């Protein structure tokens, strides 16, 4: 689906109670009100949910179930995962109900999105943030799931995980990161692998490009740029003061990347940041002909004047080997190394 439609969905009704902003502070939280979900253990039951786009084929669900079973987890499937309403996996209220029910069910230890697409913004008015705040659990996904990861952190303080969805490629690297981060609660450094092409004298792929040198500490927020921009002006966009922002995108022209960053700048959000990590912009090619900009030139336009540590080229986004990033966790960004070092465990033990 064409992701440019995301930016048209930033106007939502606001009917939710403000009490969930503080409700989570006494549950596995630190002094900042950040809530850490309990770690997963082998044999735990997770649920697959479809908060956005519909599945194309049932075999995709079968593959997702088998992938998580291979990691030692028991898998349930949300009631509405195979529903369809246009390009959505069912009605807005039904997709939200699967999420609310999973957070309410004490037997469910984590929620994993089966796929992205478009639709998470539309279910926000139906989510029970008070219920979620009282039952913190693992929430996992990327792309359109950016809406859920960031809104839950803003409204409840819950740490969640930007990483492969159910239909994504799950390889040994992703499984190892899952074990280290979500099963073991480890603190480690996330950076690109140092792999060289055959016979190459230096690394050609997965290279980091430094926008501003330096290192900085802060809490990590972000995800898909298009989706994040669609949240501007709503009560669901996280406070960006002192935060480290990570971004990625797919299938967008460079001028649209420029547009989205301009929106964040005009809203006063970029000026609040402490650091920026830009991952992959898959199929985001420069305009042909005279006068086009490269992605690096656009990023330099917005981030160089800020003087904050910033880099591009991180291995996260719409790529096969998609690194897992914990939203809400305190990290150290090192722009020169292109790394994000976890300074605290992303889960409670």
Protein backbone atom coordinates (compact mmCIF):
# COMPACT_ATOMS: atom_id res chain seq x y z
CA UNK A 1 0.00 0.00 0.00
CA UNK A 2 1.18 3.58 -0.78
CA UNK A 3 2.42 4.97 2.53
CA UNK A 4 1.80 8.61 1.58
CA UNK A 5 -1.80 8.17 2.79
CA UNK A 6 -0.47 7.99 6.36
CA UNK A 7 0.09 11.71 6.54
CA UNK A 8 -3.60 12.40 5.92
CA UNK A 9 -4.68 10.68 9.11
CA UNK A 10 -3.40 12.99 11.83
CA UNK A 11 -6.80 14.29 12.92
CA UNK A 12 -8.38 12.04 15.57
CA UNK A 13 -11.11 12.46 18.13
CA UNK A 14 -9.81 12.82 21.68
CA UNK A 15 -12.21 11.17 24.08
CA UNK A 16 -9.84 9.35 26.41
CA UNK A 17 -9.25 9.96 30.10
CA UNK A 18 -6.01 11.68 31.13
CA UNK A 19 -5.65 9.44 34.15
CA UNK A 20 -3.63 6.83 32.26
CA UNK A 21 -0.78 9.32 31.95
CA UNK A 22 0.09 8.62 35.59
CA UNK A 23 -1.55 5.26 36.22
CA UNK A 24 1.48 3.18 35.36
CA UNK A 25 4.05 4.79 37.65
CA UNK A 26 3.79 2.20 40.39
CA UNK A 27 4.05 -0.86 38.12
CA UNK A 28 7.61 -2.00 37.32
CA UNK A 29 8.51 1.66 36.87
CA UNK A 30 11.47 3.89 37.70
CA UNK A 31 11.54 7.43 39.00
CA UNK A 32 10.75 8.81 35.55
CA UNK A 33 7.47 6.93 35.26
CA UNK A 34 8.89 4.59 32.62
CA UNK A 35 7.24 1.15 32.83
CA UNK A 36 9.22 -1.96 31.93
CA UNK A 37 7.20 -5.01 30.81
CA UNK A 38 8.03 -8.36 32.33
CA UNK A 39 10.50 -10.44 30.36
CA UNK A 40 9.38 -13.41 28.32
CA UNK A 41 10.30 -16.94 29.34
CA UNK A 42 10.36 -20.11 27.23
CA UNK A 43 6.88 -21.58 27.25
CA UNK A 44 5.14 -18.22 27.72
CA UNK A 45 2.06 -17.53 25.63
CA UNK A 46 2.02 -14.61 23.23
CA UNK A 47 -0.77 -13.43 20.95
CA UNK A 48 -0.58 -12.32 17.34
CA UNK A 49 -2.69 -9.23 16.63
CA UNK A 50 -3.48 -7.37 13.40
CA UNK A 51 -3.95 -3.70 14.34
CA UNK A 52 -3.51 -2.41 10.80
CA UNK A 53 -3.52 -4.07 7.36
CA UNK A 54 -5.18 -7.33 6.39
CA UNK A 55 -3.20 -10.46 5.61
CA UNK A 56 -2.94 -11.36 1.95
CA UNK A 57 -2.83 -15.13 2.51
CA UNK A 58 -3.42 -17.41 5.49
CA UNK A 59 -0.04 -19.05 4.91
CA UNK A 60 1.54 -15.82 6.19
CA UNK A 61 -0.13 -16.46 9.55
CA UNK A 62 1.11 -20.05 9.56
CA UNK A 63 4.70 -18.91 8.96
CA UNK A 64 4.46 -16.33 11.73
CA UNK A 65 3.10 -18.87 14.23
CA UNK A 66 5.88 -21.31 13.40
CA UNK A 67 8.57 -18.60 13.73
CA UNK A 68 7.55 -17.75 17.29
CA UNK A 69 7.12 -21.42 18.19
CA UNK A 70 10.70 -21.95 17.02
CA UNK A 71 11.76 -19.40 19.66
CA UNK A 72 10.12 -21.48 22.40
CA UNK A 73 6.88 -19.54 22.73
CA UNK A 74 3.27 -20.68 22.73
CA UNK A 75 1.19 -18.74 20.23
CA UNK A 76 -2.44 -17.66 20.24
CA UNK A 77 -4.07 -15.79 17.37
CA UNK A 78 -6.27 -12.76 17.99
CA UNK A 79 -9.95 -13.25 17.24
CA UNK A 80 -9.98 -10.75 14.38
CA UNK A 81 -6.58 -11.40 12.78
CA UNK A 82 -8.11 -12.98 9.68
CA UNK A 83 -10.96 -10.46 9.38
CA UNK A 84 -11.07 -8.06 6.47
CA UNK A 85 -12.67 -4.64 6.03
CA UNK A 86 -11.30 -3.10 2.85
CA UNK A 87 -7.54 -2.99 3.35
CA UNK A 88 -7.87 -3.33 7.15
CA UNK A 89 -7.83 -6.52 9.21
CA UNK A 90 -11.40 -5.92 10.35
CA UNK A 91 -13.30 -2.98 11.81
CA UNK A 92 -11.40 -0.38 13.84
CA UNK A 93 -13.15 -1.33 17.08
CA UNK A 94 -12.52 -5.05 16.52
CA UNK A 95 -8.80 -4.60 15.86
CA UNK A 96 -8.55 -2.54 19.04
CA UNK A 97 -10.56 -5.14 20.97
CA UNK A 98 -7.95 -7.80 20.22
CA UNK A 99 -5.31 -5.55 21.81
CA UNK A 100 -7.41 -4.63 24.84
CA UNK A 101 -8.34 -8.27 25.42
CA UNK A 102 -4.73 -9.39 25.21
CA UNK A 103 -3.59 -6.85 27.79
CA UNK A 104 -6.47 -7.90 30.07
CA UNK A 105 -5.75 -11.64 29.78
CA UNK A 106 -3.29 -12.71 32.54
CA UNK A 107 -2.27 -15.75 30.49
CA UNK A 108 -0.93 -13.60 27.66
CA UNK A 109 2.62 -12.34 28.24
CA UNK A 110 3.24 -10.44 25.01
CA UNK A 111 1.59 -8.99 21.91
CA UNK A 112 3.20 -9.23 18.47
CA UNK A 113 1.79 -7.47 15.41
CA UNK A 114 1.33 -9.81 12.47
CA UNK A 115 1.96 -7.01 9.96
CA UNK A 116 1.91 -3.24 9.45
CA UNK A 117 0.35 -1.40 6.52
CA UNK A 118 -2.02 1.32 7.68
CA UNK A 119 -4.69 1.58 10.36
CA UNK A 120 -3.15 1.95 13.84
CA UNK A 121 -4.02 5.64 14.07
CA UNK A 122 -7.67 4.75 13.54
CA UNK A 123 -7.84 2.42 16.53
CA UNK A 124 -6.35 4.82 19.10
CA UNK A 125 -9.76 6.15 20.28
CA UNK A 126 -10.80 2.55 21.02
CA UNK A 127 -7.77 1.56 23.11
CA UNK A 128 -8.20 1.33 26.89
CA UNK A 129 -5.03 3.07 28.06
CA UNK A 130 -5.98 2.70 31.73
CA UNK A 131 -6.29 -1.07 31.27
CA UNK A 132 -2.97 -1.20 29.41
CA UNK A 133 -1.26 0.85 32.12
CA UNK A 134 -2.39 -1.60 34.78
CA UNK A 135 -1.23 -4.65 32.79
CA UNK A 136 2.15 -3.82 31.21
CA UNK A 137 3.27 -6.42 28.66
CA UNK A 138 5.61 -6.82 25.71
CA UNK A 139 4.35 -5.06 22.58
CA UNK A 140 6.33 -5.70 19.41
CA UNK A 141 6.25 -4.50 15.79
CA UNK A 142 7.35 -1.77 13.38
CA UNK A 143 6.24 0.30 10.38
CA UNK A 144 2.61 1.33 11.07
CA UNK A 145 3.00 -0.14 14.58
CA UNK A 146 5.06 3.02 15.24
CA UNK A 147 1.74 4.58 16.29
CA UNK A 148 1.17 2.03 19.04
CA UNK A 149 4.76 1.94 20.31
CA UNK A 150 4.93 5.70 20.76
CA UNK A 151 1.38 6.35 21.93
CA UNK A 152 1.69 3.71 24.64
CA UNK A 153 4.94 5.25 25.83
CA UNK A 154 3.37 8.71 25.86
CA UNK A 155 0.11 7.70 27.55
CA UNK A 156 1.31 4.99 29.95
CA UNK A 157 5.13 5.06 30.05
CA UNK A 158 5.28 1.49 28.72
CA UNK A 159 8.51 0.38 27.02
CA UNK A 160 7.84 -1.51 23.78
CA UNK A 161 9.86 -2.91 20.90
CA UNK A 162 10.43 -1.76 17.32
CA UNK A 163 11.32 -4.90 15.39
CA UNK A 164 10.16 -7.49 12.85
CA UNK A 165 6.42 -8.17 12.58
CA UNK A 166 5.06 -11.68 12.37
CA UNK A 167 5.25 -11.93 8.57
CA UNK A 168 8.80 -10.48 8.53
CA UNK A 169 11.93 -12.51 7.99
CA UNK A 170 12.98 -14.05 11.30
CA UNK A 171 16.56 -15.29 11.15
CA UNK A 172 19.13 -16.33 13.72
CA UNK A 173 20.27 -12.73 14.27
CA UNK A 174 16.75 -11.54 15.10
CA UNK A 175 16.12 -14.57 17.31
CA UNK A 176 19.38 -13.92 19.17
CA UNK A 177 18.43 -10.29 19.75
CA UNK A 178 15.05 -11.45 21.06
CA UNK A 179 16.76 -13.78 23.53
CA UNK A 180 19.25 -11.15 24.68
CA UNK A 181 16.82 -8.27 24.97
CA UNK A 182 13.41 -9.70 25.86
CA UNK A 183 14.18 -13.08 27.45
CA UNK A 184 17.40 -12.18 29.28
CA UNK A 185 16.96 -8.43 29.71
CA UNK A 186 20.51 -7.81 28.60
CA UNK A 187 22.17 -4.43 28.12
CA UNK A 188 24.25 -4.42 24.94
CA UNK A 189 25.18 -2.27 21.95
CA UNK A 190 23.12 -2.22 18.76
CA UNK A 191 25.18 -1.45 15.66
CA UNK A 192 25.67 -2.55 12.09
CA UNK A 193 27.55 -5.81 11.47
CA UNK A 194 31.05 -5.37 10.08
CA UNK A 195 30.67 -7.48 6.96
CA UNK A 196 32.69 -7.02 3.78
CA UNK A 197 31.77 -8.19 0.32
CA UNK A 198 33.96 -10.92 -1.08
CA UNK A 199 37.41 -9.59 -1.95
CA UNK A 200 36.49 -6.00 -1.01
CA UNK A 201 39.26 -4.03 0.68
CA UNK A 202 36.82 -2.11 2.86
CA UNK A 203 33.21 -2.28 3.99
CA UNK A 204 30.86 -1.18 1.20
CA UNK A 205 27.44 -2.16 2.56
CA UNK A 206 25.79 -1.20 5.86
CA UNK A 207 28.01 1.84 6.21
CA UNK A 208 27.31 4.61 8.70
CA UNK A 209 27.38 8.22 7.52
CA UNK A 210 27.97 10.78 10.27
CA UNK A 211 25.86 13.95 10.18
CA UNK A 212 27.11 15.41 13.46
CA UNK A 213 29.89 13.78 15.46
CA UNK A 214 29.64 12.99 19.17
CA UNK A 215 27.76 10.92 21.72
CA UNK A 216 24.77 11.62 23.94
CA UNK A 217 22.43 9.85 26.36
CA UNK A 218 18.65 9.96 26.29
CA UNK A 219 15.47 7.93 26.02
CA UNK A 220 14.81 6.35 22.65
CA UNK A 221 11.63 7.09 20.70
CA UNK A 222 10.65 6.96 17.05
CA UNK A 223 10.05 4.53 14.21
CA UNK A 224 8.58 5.14 10.78
CA UNK A 225 8.92 8.81 9.80
CA UNK A 226 5.68 8.97 7.80
CA UNK A 227 3.65 7.44 10.61
CA UNK A 228 5.29 9.51 13.33
CA UNK A 229 4.56 12.70 11.39
CA UNK A 230 0.90 11.71 11.12
CA UNK A 231 0.72 11.94 14.93
CA UNK A 232 1.76 15.60 15.10
CA UNK A 233 -0.91 17.68 16.81
CA UNK A 234 -2.41 14.72 18.67
CA UNK A 235 -1.98 13.79 22.36
CA UNK A 236 -0.33 10.53 21.29
CA UNK A 237 2.97 11.92 19.98
CA UNK A 238 5.68 11.48 22.63
CA UNK A 239 7.32 14.40 24.34
CA UNK A 240 10.61 14.83 22.45
CA UNK A 241 12.43 16.99 24.98
CA UNK A 242 15.89 15.47 25.48
CA UNK A 243 14.97 12.31 23.56
CA UNK A 244 16.99 10.37 21.01
CA UNK A 245 14.91 9.95 17.86
CA UNK A 246 15.31 7.01 15.51
CA UNK A 247 13.68 7.08 12.08
CA UNK A 248 13.22 4.88 9.01
CA UNK A 249 10.92 4.77 6.00
CA UNK A 250 10.08 2.93 2.79
CA UNK A 251 8.86 3.81 -0.69
CA UNK A 252 8.94 7.58 -0.19
CA UNK A 253 10.35 10.17 -2.58
CA UNK A 254 13.08 12.34 -1.12
CA UNK A 255 10.83 15.40 -1.32
CA UNK A 256 8.30 13.66 0.93
CA UNK A 257 11.03 12.87 3.48
CA UNK A 258 11.83 16.59 3.29
CA UNK A 259 8.13 17.42 3.83
CA UNK A 260 7.79 15.20 6.89
CA UNK A 261 10.94 16.54 8.54
CA UNK A 262 9.77 20.08 7.76
CA UNK A 263 6.50 19.31 9.56
CA UNK A 264 8.36 18.09 12.65
CA UNK A 265 10.59 21.14 12.52
CA UNK A 266 7.69 23.59 12.17
CA UNK A 267 5.95 21.86 15.09
CA UNK A 268 9.05 22.57 17.20
CA UNK A 269 9.84 18.87 17.72
CA UNK A 270 13.28 18.51 16.12
CA UNK A 271 14.66 21.39 18.18
CA UNK A 272 13.90 19.47 21.39
CA UNK A 273 15.97 16.39 20.52
CA UNK A 274 19.33 15.32 21.97
CA UNK A 275 20.32 12.98 19.12
CA UNK A 276 19.13 11.29 15.92
CA UNK A 277 19.68 7.84 14.42
CA UNK A 278 18.36 7.39 10.90
CA UNK A 279 18.14 3.80 9.72
CA UNK A 280 17.19 2.63 6.24
CA UNK A 281 15.00 4.44 3.75
CA UNK A 282 14.23 1.52 1.47
CA UNK A 283 13.29 2.44 -2.11
CA UNK A 284 13.62 6.14 -1.34
CA UNK A 285 15.43 7.20 -4.50
CA UNK A 286 16.43 10.77 -5.39
CA UNK A 287 14.38 12.58 -8.01
CA UNK A 288 15.77 12.21 -11.52
CA UNK A 289 17.18 15.19 -13.34
CA UNK A 290 18.73 18.47 -12.33
CA UNK A 291 18.07 19.92 -8.92
CA UNK A 292 17.34 16.83 -6.84
CA UNK A 293 18.64 16.20 -3.32
CA UNK A 294 20.07 13.04 -1.82
CA UNK A 295 18.70 11.68 1.44
CA UNK A 296 21.92 12.66 3.22
CA UNK A 297 21.59 16.26 2.00
CA UNK A 298 18.04 16.47 3.35
CA UNK A 299 19.05 15.02 6.72
CA UNK A 300 21.99 17.41 6.92
CA UNK A 301 19.67 20.34 6.20
CA UNK A 302 17.53 19.57 9.25
CA UNK A 303 20.00 18.08 11.74
CA UNK A 304 23.36 19.75 11.12
CA UNK A 305 22.22 23.17 12.38
CA UNK A 306 20.98 21.56 15.59
CA UNK A 307 24.52 20.45 16.44
CA UNK A 308 23.29 17.24 18.09
CA UNK A 309 24.97 13.85 17.47
CA UNK A 310 23.32 12.32 14.41
CA UNK A 311 24.01 9.58 11.88
CA UNK A 312 22.31 7.72 9.06
CA UNK A 313 22.61 4.14 7.80
CA UNK A 314 21.60 2.12 10.86
CA UNK A 315 20.41 -1.42 10.18
CA UNK A 316 16.78 -0.98 11.09
CA UNK A 317 13.69 -0.37 9.01
CA UNK A 318 12.15 -2.16 6.04
CA UNK A 319 15.12 -4.47 5.58
CA UNK A 320 15.53 -8.21 6.06
CA UNK A 321 17.98 -8.00 8.96
CA UNK A 322 15.97 -5.52 11.02
CA UNK A 323 17.57 -4.74 14.39
CA UNK A 324 15.29 -4.58 17.44
CA UNK A 325 15.11 -1.18 19.18
CA UNK A 326 13.38 -0.65 22.56
CA UNK A 327 11.16 2.44 22.57
CA UNK A 328 11.40 4.31 25.88
CA UNK A 329 14.69 2.85 27.09
CA UNK A 330 17.66 5.04 28.03
CA UNK A 331 20.49 4.62 25.52
CA UNK A 332 23.79 6.18 24.55
CA UNK A 333 23.98 7.21 20.91
CA UNK A 334 27.47 7.35 19.41
CA UNK A 335 27.23 9.00 16.01
CA UNK A 336 30.81 8.19 15.03
CA UNK A 337 30.28 4.48 15.62
CA UNK A 338 26.66 4.47 14.47
CA UNK A 339 25.71 2.68 17.68
CA UNK A 340 22.97 2.66 20.31
CA UNK A 341 24.11 1.26 23.67
CA UNK A 342 21.39 0.19 26.08
CA UNK A 343 21.98 1.80 29.48
CA UNK A 344 19.22 -0.16 31.24
CA UNK A 345 17.43 -3.43 30.82
CA UNK A 346 14.34 -3.04 28.61
CA UNK A 347 12.36 -5.58 30.66
CA UNK A 348 11.73 -6.25 34.32
CA UNK A 349 12.90 -9.56 35.66
